[in-house]
Protein backbone atom coordinates (compact mmCIF):
# COMPACT_ATOMS: atom_id res chain seq x y z
CA UNK A 1 -6.03 271.66 17.85
CA UNK A 2 -2.96 271.86 15.62
CA UNK A 3 -2.78 272.15 11.90
CA UNK A 4 -1.47 269.11 10.08
CA UNK A 5 1.93 269.81 8.64
CA UNK A 6 1.96 267.42 5.75
CA UNK A 7 -1.17 266.01 4.15
CA UNK A 8 -1.58 263.38 1.49
CA UNK A 9 -3.57 264.32 -1.67
CA UNK A 10 -6.72 262.87 -0.10
CA UNK A 11 -6.50 265.25 2.91
CA UNK A 12 -4.71 268.14 1.35
CA UNK A 13 -7.27 270.66 2.55
CA UNK A 14 -6.30 274.04 4.08
CA UNK A 15 -9.02 273.84 6.72
CA UNK A 16 -8.22 270.26 7.93
CA UNK A 17 -6.98 270.11 11.48
CA UNK A 18 -5.83 267.12 13.59
CA UNK A 19 -8.01 266.50 16.62
CA UNK A 20 -5.89 266.79 19.74
CA UNK A 21 -5.37 263.50 21.57
CA UNK A 22 -6.27 261.36 18.54
CA UNK A 23 -2.68 260.65 17.60
CA UNK A 24 -3.39 262.02 14.15
CA UNK A 25 -6.09 259.45 13.48
CA UNK A 26 -8.93 262.04 13.50
CA UNK A 27 -9.33 265.23 11.50
CA UNK A 28 -11.69 268.18 11.89
CA UNK A 29 -12.84 269.50 8.55
CA UNK A 30 -15.39 272.34 8.39
CA UNK A 31 -16.37 271.60 11.95
CA UNK A 32 -16.81 267.86 11.37
CA UNK A 33 -14.57 265.17 12.87
CA UNK A 34 -13.63 262.48 10.32
CA UNK A 35 -11.19 259.56 10.38
CA UNK A 36 -7.74 260.28 9.00
CA UNK A 37 -7.26 257.13 6.93
CA UNK A 38 -3.99 258.34 5.52
CA UNK A 39 -2.50 258.36 9.03
CA UNK A 40 -2.88 254.57 9.16
CA UNK A 41 -0.81 254.14 6.01
CA UNK A 42 2.89 253.91 6.71
CA UNK A 43 5.00 255.45 3.98
CA UNK A 44 7.17 252.97 2.05
CA UNK A 45 8.94 252.70 -1.26
CA UNK A 46 9.63 249.89 -3.70
CA UNK A 47 12.43 247.75 -2.29
CA UNK A 48 11.37 248.32 1.34
CA UNK A 49 10.56 245.40 3.63
CA UNK A 50 7.12 245.68 5.27
CA UNK A 51 5.22 243.55 7.79
CA UNK A 52 1.59 242.41 7.47
CA UNK A 53 -0.91 239.67 8.25
CA UNK A 54 -2.21 236.98 5.90
CA UNK A 55 -5.89 237.62 5.20
CA UNK A 56 -6.52 235.21 2.30
CA UNK A 57 -4.86 232.20 0.70
CA UNK A 58 -5.59 231.22 -2.89
CA UNK A 59 -4.02 228.47 -5.00
CA UNK A 60 -1.73 230.89 -6.83
CA UNK A 61 -1.36 233.84 -4.45
CA UNK A 62 -1.62 235.12 -0.89
CA UNK A 63 -3.21 238.45 0.22
CA UNK A 64 -1.51 240.34 3.03
CA UNK A 65 -2.77 243.38 4.95
CA UNK A 66 0.17 245.71 5.51
CA UNK A 67 -1.99 248.76 6.45
CA UNK A 68 -2.00 250.12 2.93
CA UNK A 69 -5.11 251.29 1.12
CA UNK A 70 -5.33 247.85 -0.45
CA UNK A 71 -4.02 244.41 0.45
CA UNK A 72 -0.68 243.37 -0.94
CA UNK A 73 -0.47 240.35 -3.23
CA UNK A 74 2.26 237.71 -2.90
CA UNK A 75 2.32 235.44 -5.99
CA UNK A 76 3.04 231.78 -5.19
CA UNK A 77 6.37 232.09 -7.03
CA UNK A 78 7.42 234.76 -4.50
CA UNK A 79 6.52 232.77 -1.40
CA UNK A 80 9.60 230.53 -1.10
CA UNK A 81 12.98 229.78 -2.65
CA UNK A 82 11.73 226.26 -3.30
CA UNK A 83 10.99 225.58 -6.94
CA UNK A 84 7.43 224.40 -6.32
CA UNK A 85 5.34 225.33 -3.31
CA UNK A 86 1.73 225.04 -2.16
CA UNK A 87 0.65 228.42 -0.61
CA UNK A 88 -1.46 226.56 1.97
CA UNK A 89 1.69 224.74 3.19
CA UNK A 90 3.81 227.88 3.28
CA UNK A 91 1.52 230.22 5.28
CA UNK A 92 -1.67 230.17 7.34
CA UNK A 93 -4.43 232.73 7.85
CA UNK A 94 -3.42 235.34 10.41
CA UNK A 95 0.32 234.65 10.09
CA UNK A 96 2.54 237.69 10.39
CA UNK A 97 4.90 237.81 7.46
CA UNK A 98 7.63 240.06 6.19
CA UNK A 99 7.52 240.98 2.51
CA UNK A 100 9.59 243.08 0.16
CA UNK A 101 7.72 245.65 -1.96
CA UNK A 102 8.25 244.79 -5.62
CA UNK A 103 5.70 247.16 -7.19
CA UNK A 104 3.42 249.69 -5.45
CA UNK A 105 0.97 249.49 -8.35
CA UNK A 106 1.14 247.06 -11.24
CA UNK A 107 -0.92 247.44 -14.41
CA UNK A 108 -3.95 246.30 -12.46
CA UNK A 109 -3.25 248.75 -9.64
CA UNK A 110 -2.23 246.00 -7.20
CA UNK A 111 0.53 246.15 -4.58
CA UNK A 112 2.93 243.27 -5.41
CA UNK A 113 5.01 241.82 -2.60
CA UNK A 114 7.62 239.06 -2.23
CA UNK A 115 7.99 237.00 0.91
CA UNK A 116 11.02 235.07 -0.29
CA UNK A 117 12.94 238.25 -1.20
CA UNK A 118 12.31 239.81 2.17
CA UNK A 119 13.56 236.62 3.76
CA UNK A 120 16.49 236.66 1.35
CA UNK A 121 17.56 240.16 2.43
CA UNK A 122 17.38 239.34 6.10
CA UNK A 123 19.04 235.96 5.56
CA UNK A 124 21.84 237.48 3.50
CA UNK A 125 22.71 239.91 6.27
CA UNK A 126 22.73 237.02 8.74
CA UNK A 127 24.90 234.90 6.44
CA UNK A 128 27.37 237.73 5.88
CA UNK A 129 27.70 238.16 9.65
CA UNK A 130 28.24 234.39 10.08
CA UNK A 131 30.88 234.33 7.34
CA UNK A 132 32.76 237.19 9.00
CA UNK A 133 32.63 235.67 12.48
CA UNK A 134 33.14 232.03 11.49
CA UNK A 135 29.96 231.00 13.27
CA UNK A 136 27.90 228.18 11.70
CA UNK A 137 24.47 228.65 10.13
CA UNK A 138 21.53 226.24 10.29
CA UNK A 139 19.36 225.34 7.32
CA UNK A 140 17.11 222.62 5.94
CA UNK A 141 18.01 220.34 3.02
CA UNK A 142 15.41 221.02 0.33
CA UNK A 143 16.99 219.43 -2.77
CA UNK A 144 19.48 216.76 -3.76
CA UNK A 145 21.28 217.85 -6.92
CA UNK A 146 24.20 216.57 -8.93
CA UNK A 147 27.27 217.05 -6.83
CA UNK A 148 25.65 218.02 -3.54
CA UNK A 149 22.73 219.41 -1.56
CA UNK A 150 20.68 222.62 -1.64
CA UNK A 151 20.18 224.14 1.80
CA UNK A 152 17.38 226.59 2.63
CA UNK A 153 18.91 229.45 4.61
CA UNK A 154 16.47 232.00 3.31
CA UNK A 155 19.02 231.93 0.51
CA UNK A 156 19.76 228.86 -1.61
CA UNK A 157 23.03 227.56 -0.21
CA UNK A 158 25.04 224.85 -1.98
CA UNK A 159 26.70 222.11 0.05
CA UNK A 160 29.12 220.07 -2.12
CA UNK A 161 28.96 216.29 -1.65
CA UNK A 162 32.63 216.19 -0.62
CA UNK A 163 31.88 218.58 2.26
CA UNK A 164 28.74 216.85 3.59
CA UNK A 165 30.69 214.63 6.00
CA UNK A 166 34.23 213.79 7.00
CA UNK A 167 33.97 210.58 4.99
CA UNK A 168 32.37 210.08 1.61
CA UNK A 169 28.57 209.76 1.77
CA UNK A 170 27.29 207.09 -0.66
CA UNK A 171 23.64 208.23 -0.58
CA UNK A 172 22.84 211.94 -0.23
CA UNK A 173 19.08 211.29 -0.27
CA UNK A 174 19.22 210.35 3.42
CA UNK A 175 19.78 214.04 4.26
CA UNK A 176 16.60 215.22 2.53
CA UNK A 177 14.47 217.31 4.92
CA UNK A 178 17.09 217.31 7.67
CA UNK A 179 18.24 220.44 9.48
CA UNK A 180 22.01 220.64 9.39
CA UNK A 181 24.67 223.01 10.65
CA UNK A 182 27.25 224.35 8.21
CA UNK A 183 29.94 226.95 7.89
CA UNK A 184 29.97 229.54 5.10
CA UNK A 185 33.15 229.07 3.05
CA UNK A 186 32.28 231.20 -0.01
CA UNK A 187 29.96 234.19 -0.48
CA UNK A 188 29.24 236.18 -3.63
CA UNK A 189 26.37 238.69 -3.51
CA UNK A 190 26.53 239.62 -7.17
CA UNK A 191 25.79 236.01 -8.11
CA UNK A 192 23.75 235.20 -4.98
CA UNK A 193 26.21 232.38 -4.46
CA UNK A 194 26.62 230.72 -1.04
CA UNK A 195 28.88 227.67 -0.63
CA UNK A 196 28.70 225.74 2.63
CA UNK A 197 30.69 223.08 4.48
CA UNK A 198 29.24 220.72 7.05
CA UNK A 199 32.57 218.92 7.18
CA UNK A 200 34.23 222.01 8.70
CA UNK A 201 31.74 221.93 11.59
CA UNK A 202 32.25 218.19 12.14
CA UNK A 203 36.05 218.49 12.04
CA UNK A 204 35.95 221.24 14.61
CA UNK A 205 33.77 219.08 16.84
CA UNK A 206 36.05 216.10 16.29
CA UNK A 207 39.10 218.15 17.20
CA UNK A 208 37.54 218.82 20.58
CA UNK A 209 36.54 215.16 20.87
CA UNK A 210 40.10 214.06 19.96
CA UNK A 211 41.64 216.19 22.67
CA UNK A 212 39.19 214.81 25.21
CA UNK A 213 39.80 211.20 24.12
CA UNK A 214 43.59 211.63 23.97
CA UNK A 215 43.56 212.93 27.53
CA UNK A 216 41.71 209.78 28.57
CA UNK A 217 43.79 207.18 26.66
CA UNK A 218 47.10 205.74 27.85
CA UNK A 219 49.49 203.22 26.22
CA UNK A 220 48.65 199.72 27.37
CA UNK A 221 44.92 200.32 27.65
CA UNK A 222 42.52 197.86 26.02
CA UNK A 223 39.61 199.66 24.33
CA UNK A 224 36.76 198.87 21.95
CA UNK A 225 36.18 200.53 18.59
CA UNK A 226 34.66 200.13 15.14
CA UNK A 227 36.55 199.52 11.89
CA UNK A 228 36.06 202.73 9.90
CA UNK A 229 38.36 202.13 6.94
CA UNK A 230 40.63 199.44 5.50
CA UNK A 231 43.77 200.21 3.48
CA UNK A 232 46.66 198.12 2.18
CA UNK A 233 48.89 198.88 5.16
CA UNK A 234 46.33 198.33 7.93
CA UNK A 235 42.92 199.27 9.30
CA UNK A 236 41.56 202.40 10.98
CA UNK A 237 39.47 202.09 14.15
CA UNK A 238 36.98 204.75 15.26
CA UNK A 239 37.40 205.24 19.01
CA UNK A 240 34.28 207.35 19.59
CA UNK A 241 35.49 210.33 17.60
CA UNK A 242 39.15 209.73 16.83
CA UNK A 243 40.70 207.18 14.49
CA UNK A 244 43.56 204.91 15.52
CA UNK A 245 45.61 202.76 13.14
CA UNK A 246 46.21 199.02 13.40
CA UNK A 247 49.24 198.40 11.21
CA UNK A 248 49.04 195.21 9.14
CA UNK A 249 51.88 193.73 11.20
CA UNK A 250 49.77 194.18 14.38
CA UNK A 251 46.62 192.49 13.06
CA UNK A 252 47.47 188.85 13.70
CA UNK A 253 50.22 186.62 15.02
CA UNK A 254 50.17 184.84 11.67
CA UNK A 255 51.02 186.35 8.30
CA UNK A 256 48.33 188.57 6.75
CA UNK A 257 48.45 189.48 3.05
CA UNK A 258 45.73 192.14 3.28
CA UNK A 259 43.69 193.44 6.25
CA UNK A 260 40.43 192.59 4.46
CA UNK A 261 41.25 188.91 5.01
CA UNK A 262 40.31 189.22 8.69
CA UNK A 263 38.44 192.55 9.05
CA UNK A 264 35.49 194.34 7.45
CA UNK A 265 34.30 197.94 7.72
CA UNK A 266 31.81 198.21 10.57
CA UNK A 267 33.30 195.37 12.63
CA UNK A 268 33.54 195.98 16.37
CA UNK A 269 37.02 195.08 17.65
CA UNK A 270 38.88 195.07 20.95
CA UNK A 271 42.35 196.60 20.56
CA UNK A 272 45.31 197.55 22.71
CA UNK A 273 46.78 201.06 22.67
CA UNK A 274 50.43 200.68 21.67
CA UNK A 275 51.53 204.30 21.35
CA UNK A 276 50.07 207.83 21.35
CA UNK A 277 51.55 210.83 19.52
CA UNK A 278 49.70 213.64 21.26
CA UNK A 279 51.26 216.41 19.17
CA UNK A 280 50.12 214.84 15.89
CA UNK A 281 47.00 213.29 17.46
CA UNK A 282 47.86 209.81 16.22
CA UNK A 283 47.14 206.54 17.99
CA UNK A 284 48.83 203.22 17.21
CA UNK A 285 46.75 200.16 18.03
CA UNK A 286 47.30 196.42 18.13
CA UNK A 287 44.72 193.70 17.53
CA UNK A 288 46.91 190.65 17.98
CA UNK A 289 47.95 191.84 21.46
CA UNK A 290 44.41 191.11 22.66
CA UNK A 291 44.65 187.52 21.41
CA UNK A 292 46.65 184.55 22.66
CA UNK A 293 50.20 184.48 21.31
CA UNK A 294 50.52 181.05 19.64
CA UNK A 295 54.28 181.23 20.11
CA UNK A 296 53.79 181.20 23.86
CA UNK A 297 51.92 177.92 23.43
CA UNK A 298 54.91 176.52 21.55
CA UNK A 299 57.32 177.57 24.30
CA UNK A 300 55.01 176.25 27.05
CA UNK A 301 54.00 173.00 25.32
CA UNK A 302 56.83 171.65 23.16
CA UNK A 303 60.49 170.78 23.57
CA UNK A 304 63.35 170.04 21.21
CA UNK A 305 62.99 166.47 19.94
CA UNK A 306 59.18 166.40 20.10
CA UNK A 307 57.34 165.02 17.11
CA UNK A 308 54.00 166.41 15.93
CA UNK A 309 51.69 166.75 12.94
CA UNK A 310 51.87 169.71 10.58
CA UNK A 311 50.69 171.00 7.20
CA UNK A 312 52.98 172.24 4.45
CA UNK A 313 52.05 175.88 3.73
CA UNK A 314 54.80 176.93 1.33
CA UNK A 315 57.60 175.28 -0.65
CA UNK A 316 60.68 177.35 -1.45
CA UNK A 317 64.04 176.59 -3.05
CA UNK A 318 65.76 175.93 0.27
CA UNK A 319 63.03 173.89 1.93
CA UNK A 320 59.43 174.08 3.09
CA UNK A 321 57.37 175.84 5.74
CA UNK A 322 55.14 173.67 7.89
CA UNK A 323 52.35 175.03 10.12
CA UNK A 324 52.23 173.15 13.42
CA UNK A 325 49.71 175.47 15.16
CA UNK A 326 47.44 178.24 13.93
CA UNK A 327 49.81 181.13 13.29
CA UNK A 328 53.01 179.15 13.92
CA UNK A 329 55.17 177.92 11.06
CA UNK A 330 58.57 176.28 11.13
CA UNK A 331 61.16 175.67 8.42
CA UNK A 332 62.13 172.23 7.20
CA UNK A 333 65.43 172.85 5.46
CA UNK A 334 66.01 171.05 2.16
CA UNK A 335 68.66 168.91 3.88
CA UNK A 336 66.03 167.76 6.41
CA UNK A 337 63.46 166.54 3.89
CA UNK A 338 64.83 163.07 3.09
CA UNK A 339 67.72 160.72 3.84
CA UNK A 340 68.90 161.05 0.24
CA UNK A 341 70.10 164.18 -1.56
CA UNK A 342 67.20 166.40 -2.71
CA UNK A 343 67.67 168.77 -5.63
CA UNK A 344 64.20 170.32 -5.48
CA UNK A 345 61.94 170.23 -2.38
CA UNK A 346 58.94 169.64 -4.65
CA UNK A 347 60.29 166.15 -5.34
CA UNK A 348 59.26 165.31 -1.78
CA UNK A 349 56.44 167.62 -0.68
CA UNK A 350 53.80 169.99 -2.01
CA UNK A 351 51.74 172.73 -0.30
CA UNK A 352 48.84 171.12 1.57
CA UNK A 353 50.66 167.90 2.45
CA UNK A 354 50.19 166.64 6.01
CA UNK A 355 53.48 165.43 7.50
CA UNK A 356 55.05 164.56 10.82
CA UNK A 357 57.97 166.72 11.85
CA UNK A 358 60.56 166.71 14.60
CA UNK A 359 61.49 169.92 16.43
CA UNK A 360 65.20 170.67 16.06
CA UNK A 361 65.38 174.19 17.47
CA UNK A 362 63.06 176.70 19.19
CA UNK A 363 64.28 180.31 19.16
CA UNK A 364 61.61 182.09 21.21
CA UNK A 365 63.28 185.52 21.06
CA UNK A 366 63.43 185.58 17.27
CA UNK A 367 60.28 183.43 16.93
CA UNK A 368 62.09 180.88 14.74
CA UNK A 369 61.31 177.18 14.60
CA UNK A 370 63.54 174.59 12.90
CA UNK A 371 61.94 171.28 11.93
CA UNK A 372 62.92 168.00 10.30
CA UNK A 373 60.95 165.44 8.30
CA UNK A 374 63.71 162.91 7.70
CA UNK A 375 64.48 162.49 11.43
CA UNK A 376 60.96 161.25 12.19
CA UNK A 377 61.40 157.52 12.72
CA UNK A 378 59.48 155.37 10.29
CA UNK A 379 58.57 158.26 7.96
CA UNK A 380 59.93 158.27 4.47
CA UNK A 381 58.21 160.36 1.82
CA UNK A 382 58.24 159.04 -1.75
CA UNK A 383 59.85 160.93 -4.62
CA UNK A 384 57.19 162.38 -6.90
CA UNK A 385 57.11 164.30 -10.20
CA UNK A 386 57.87 167.95 -9.65
CA UNK A 387 54.78 170.15 -9.87
CA UNK A 388 55.45 173.75 -10.93
CA UNK A 389 54.41 176.36 -8.32
CA UNK A 390 51.11 178.16 -8.82
CA UNK A 391 51.12 181.88 -9.69
CA UNK A 392 50.38 182.89 -6.07
CA UNK A 393 53.05 180.52 -4.74
CA UNK A 394 55.58 181.84 -7.23
CA UNK A 395 54.90 185.36 -5.94
CA UNK A 396 55.47 184.17 -2.38
CA UNK A 397 58.91 182.87 -3.27
CA UNK A 398 60.04 186.43 -3.89
CA UNK A 399 59.02 187.51 -0.39
CA UNK A 400 60.67 184.94 1.86
CA UNK A 401 61.91 186.60 5.05
CA UNK A 402 65.47 186.38 6.33
CA UNK A 403 65.31 183.35 8.60
CA UNK A 404 68.67 183.40 10.35
CA UNK A 405 68.40 179.72 11.27
CA UNK A 406 71.19 177.87 13.01
CA UNK A 407 73.46 175.87 10.66
CA UNK A 408 74.48 173.61 13.54
CA UNK A 409 70.90 172.38 13.84
CA UNK A 410 70.88 170.95 10.33
CA UNK A 411 74.43 169.58 10.55
CA UNK A 412 74.06 167.91 13.97
CA UNK A 413 72.58 164.61 12.79
CA UNK A 414 72.99 164.80 9.02
CA UNK A 415 74.53 161.65 7.48
CA UNK A 416 77.99 162.15 5.97
CA UNK A 417 78.06 163.15 2.31
CA UNK A 418 79.89 160.78 -0.05
CA UNK A 419 83.34 161.99 -1.01
CA UNK A 420 83.65 163.62 -4.40
CA UNK A 421 86.67 163.51 -6.64
CA UNK A 422 87.70 166.90 -7.93
CA UNK A 423 88.33 167.45 -11.60
CA UNK A 424 91.81 168.68 -10.85
CA UNK A 425 93.78 168.65 -7.64
CA UNK A 426 96.84 170.61 -6.91
CA UNK A 427 99.10 169.48 -4.08
CA UNK A 428 97.59 170.64 -0.79
CA UNK A 429 94.24 171.67 -2.36
CA UNK A 430 91.11 170.63 -0.42
CA UNK A 431 88.46 168.94 -2.60
CA UNK A 432 85.22 170.96 -2.95
CA UNK A 433 82.24 169.30 -1.29
CA UNK A 434 78.62 170.15 -0.36
CA UNK A 435 78.33 171.92 2.98
CA UNK A 436 76.04 169.82 5.16
CA UNK A 437 72.88 171.63 6.13
CA UNK A 438 73.61 174.78 4.13
CA UNK A 439 71.40 174.02 1.18
CA UNK A 440 74.10 175.52 -1.06
CA UNK A 441 76.27 173.43 -3.31
CA UNK A 442 79.87 174.04 -4.30
CA UNK A 443 80.80 174.29 -7.98
CA UNK A 444 81.63 170.55 -7.98
CA UNK A 445 78.42 169.28 -6.46
CA UNK A 446 77.06 166.86 -9.05
CA UNK A 447 78.84 163.53 -9.66
CA UNK A 448 79.13 164.32 -13.36
CA UNK A 449 81.04 167.50 -12.58
CA UNK A 450 82.93 166.10 -9.58
CA UNK A 451 84.45 163.04 -11.34
CA UNK A 452 86.84 163.67 -14.30
CA UNK A 453 85.94 161.92 -17.53
CA UNK A 454 88.11 159.01 -18.62
CA UNK A 455 89.80 159.58 -22.00
CA UNK A 456 88.51 157.17 -24.63
CA UNK A 457 90.83 154.19 -25.19
CA UNK A 458 93.05 154.85 -22.22
CA UNK A 459 93.10 152.05 -19.62
CA UNK A 460 92.44 152.96 -16.03
CA UNK A 461 96.01 152.18 -15.05
CA UNK A 462 97.25 155.05 -17.28
CA UNK A 463 94.95 157.70 -15.80
CA UNK A 464 96.22 160.49 -13.66
CA UNK A 465 96.34 159.32 -10.02
CA UNK A 466 93.17 160.38 -8.24
CA UNK A 467 92.92 161.71 -4.74
CA UNK A 468 92.31 158.89 -2.27
CA UNK A 469 88.61 158.39 -1.71
CA UNK A 470 87.13 158.63 1.76
CA UNK A 471 86.08 155.23 3.16
CA UNK A 472 82.44 154.39 2.66
CA UNK A 473 80.21 154.12 5.70
CA UNK A 474 80.98 150.85 7.56
CA UNK A 475 84.33 150.27 5.75
CA UNK A 476 87.69 150.26 7.43
CA UNK A 477 90.32 152.46 5.87
CA UNK A 478 92.95 150.48 3.87
């Protein structure tokens, strides 16, 4: 037998010897073999983390056997980082738990332990390692607070609402109780502050998804996606992990004021891939390319000289636009509205009027269509009081596109304008007249301005000789 080298106060006897082969669990004292209880007690200090088994669960505390001379007590407030907890839900009898020693003996002589602080210490070391390596951590959402979520990592981690997802989340309550993966973006031990980002994890995943999708996509492909966002200049389509843009000009063959007129978030659409910028990971899409081009119907169906029904969509200073098919509008120039001179197109037509028109020109390359109302046989629209344009129509007048229509079309069958007498004529000067089909008048357009006034009291024979008038239609020149 060997003499014990260090004895606790209970076994500090000079004649106590450890029984060989007992592993220090038996002592021989004065020839008697007795259990060495102190050998079963592992030395520890306040602040150490110890391991034990749950032996009793009360409403306000849990007793744990850690091999000490008495059971350790874990108050319910030291069981979890949650604000309120039921001990019966947190642990079960026989569970092995880790606990941090708060006090070896309180005023009642009890050993006070903390399960949540032991978990905190271990969790903090794990979180620090994750922050250094960039690896994500996994935790459970335990609270929804103003501005974000509280994540249980063994430490209370804060996940700001702006970093919960790639897009704004309208209702954070849907994450309650979920396990989510986040990256640590801020760590402060002195304040026990941990700030997390789930968005960083999702963006990293999406980057991998983008590269995989970009490798698969090619210009010209027709694919299906979901409208993820709508902005003034177009709509974004989610293509299973990467967003492509449909520019507003590629939404429809007809004019679109705002994408929300034809699309809503969540809509499933079939689109054509127009272009891919692989370096910037951007995809340009077209919606109208998957639909029938109404202009092709015009080219295939109609010819110059055909007459058909249409609806006036817009009245402008130089004429009116008439829709002959869905998405196809043509221009009726002001000179093609009526057989007589028209000062204001609203004298003849208003938006919404149904009229018959004759096709004068089809420019398929530039997608221009020239129409006439006055050349439709048997159609003569009455002159009406001029109605001022509505506020929306007035705004449209400022955004009329450059039409580039052929002047020859409007001049080809226009009746001759009556000759106008200039106010003054120098020898060899050409009288100013209205240009047929141009819609623009010269300075001497109106009869009042074109014909000089006769001085009061002067007979016609004494007037200045006027330029010879052009013969009227049907007259023979004198």
